[in-house]
Protein backbone atom coordinates (compact mmCIF):
# COMPACT_ATOMS: atom_id res chain seq x y z
CA MET A 1 -0.13 -0.05 -0.11
CA ALA A 2 1.09 3.51 -0.74
CA ASN A 3 2.39 5.34 2.24
CA SER A 4 2.79 8.96 1.08
CA ALA A 5 0.27 11.42 -0.46
CA GLN A 6 2.02 11.20 -3.82
CA ALA A 7 1.95 7.47 -4.11
CA ARG A 8 -1.74 7.20 -2.99
CA LYS A 9 -2.53 9.78 -5.87
CA ARG A 10 -0.30 7.88 -8.35
CA ALA A 11 -1.96 4.77 -7.58
CA ARG A 12 -5.33 6.25 -8.08
CA GLN A 13 -4.35 7.75 -11.40
CA ALA A 14 -2.75 4.38 -12.57
CA ASP A 15 -6.06 2.28 -11.56
CA LYS A 16 -8.26 5.37 -13.58
CA HIS A 17 -5.73 5.15 -16.47
CA ASN A 18 -5.74 1.44 -16.47
CA LYS A 19 -9.82 1.18 -16.78
CA HIS A 20 -9.89 3.78 -19.50
CA ASN A 21 -7.14 2.04 -21.41
CA ALA A 22 -9.12 -1.25 -21.19
CA ALA A 23 -12.11 0.19 -22.48
CA MET A 24 -10.25 1.60 -25.55
CA ARG A 25 -8.60 -1.67 -26.04
CA SER A 26 -12.25 -3.28 -25.91
CA THR A 27 -13.54 -0.90 -28.41
CA MET A 28 -10.60 -1.58 -30.57
CA ARG A 29 -11.39 -5.55 -30.49
CA THR A 30 -15.01 -5.11 -30.84
CA ALA A 31 -14.27 -3.21 -34.04
CA ASN A 32 -11.84 -5.89 -35.21
CA LYS A 33 -14.57 -8.61 -34.46
CA LYS A 34 -16.89 -6.89 -36.63
CA ILE A 35 -14.56 -7.09 -39.45
CA THR A 36 -14.05 -10.99 -38.98
CA LYS A 37 -17.42 -12.10 -38.51
CA ALA A 38 -18.17 -10.18 -41.81
CA ILE A 39 -15.31 -11.94 -43.43
CA ASP A 40 -16.35 -15.47 -42.01
CA GLU A 41 -19.92 -14.80 -43.35
CA GLY A 42 -18.21 -13.97 -46.58
CA ASP A 43 -19.91 -10.51 -47.01
CA ALA A 44 -17.37 -8.18 -48.66
CA GLU A 45 -19.27 -5.03 -48.42
CA THR A 46 -20.07 -5.25 -44.82
CA ALA A 47 -16.46 -6.35 -44.12
CA LYS A 48 -14.94 -3.17 -46.32
CA SER A 49 -17.46 -0.71 -44.43
CA ALA A 50 -16.60 -2.19 -40.97
CA TYR A 51 -12.91 -1.83 -42.08
CA LEU A 52 -13.09 1.64 -42.92
CA ALA A 53 -14.82 2.33 -39.51
CA ALA A 54 -11.97 0.37 -37.54
CA VAL A 55 -9.05 2.30 -39.44
CA PRO A 56 -9.34 5.27 -37.46
CA ILE A 57 -9.90 3.25 -34.02
CA ILE A 58 -6.98 1.27 -34.45
CA ASP A 59 -4.78 4.49 -35.49
CA ARG A 60 -5.99 6.20 -32.48
CA MET A 61 -4.98 3.49 -30.34
CA ALA A 62 -1.74 3.54 -31.61
CA ARG A 63 -1.25 7.35 -31.27
CA LYS A 64 -2.29 7.50 -27.74
CA GLY A 65 0.23 4.47 -26.99
CA ILE A 66 -2.27 1.85 -25.88
CA ILE A 67 -0.96 -0.28 -28.88
CA HIS A 68 2.17 -0.27 -30.33
CA LYS A 69 2.44 1.38 -34.08
CA ASN A 70 3.53 -1.65 -35.53
CA LYS A 71 0.72 -3.92 -33.97
CA ALA A 72 -1.75 -1.35 -35.63
CA ALA A 73 -0.07 -1.48 -39.02
CA ARG A 74 -0.04 -5.09 -38.57
CA GLN A 75 -3.80 -5.68 -37.64
CA LYS A 76 -4.78 -3.17 -40.59
CA SER A 77 -2.74 -5.00 -43.22
CA ARG A 78 -3.98 -8.55 -42.30
CA LEU A 79 -7.55 -7.51 -41.88
CA ASN A 80 -7.27 -5.43 -45.52
CA GLN A 81 -5.48 -8.62 -46.94
CA SER A 82 -8.42 -10.73 -45.83
CA ILE A 83 -10.96 -8.53 -47.37
CA ILE A 84 -9.04 -8.50 -50.49
CA LYS A 85 -8.86 -12.23 -50.74
CA LEU A 86 -12.60 -12.18 -50.18
CA GLN A 87 -13.64 -10.28 -52.96
CA ALA A 88 -11.56 -11.96 -55.37
């Protein structure tokens, strides 16, 4: 347990930031799942629109440091390749 006032405040802030970041990661995962579900169902149009909605979310998570920028690029690339395969 934190003993100083500063340490107690930092512990509160860390808890608050952790909850916020978890919510942001959940939003990103939900967006990814929408794309994956559309791809699994074979619906290219829905997958494409879900992808276009998810890209800004993924980029925002990378910009804020919630995920690494390379992970964001990898996710976008893999999802886009899946959509391209589905359309072909």
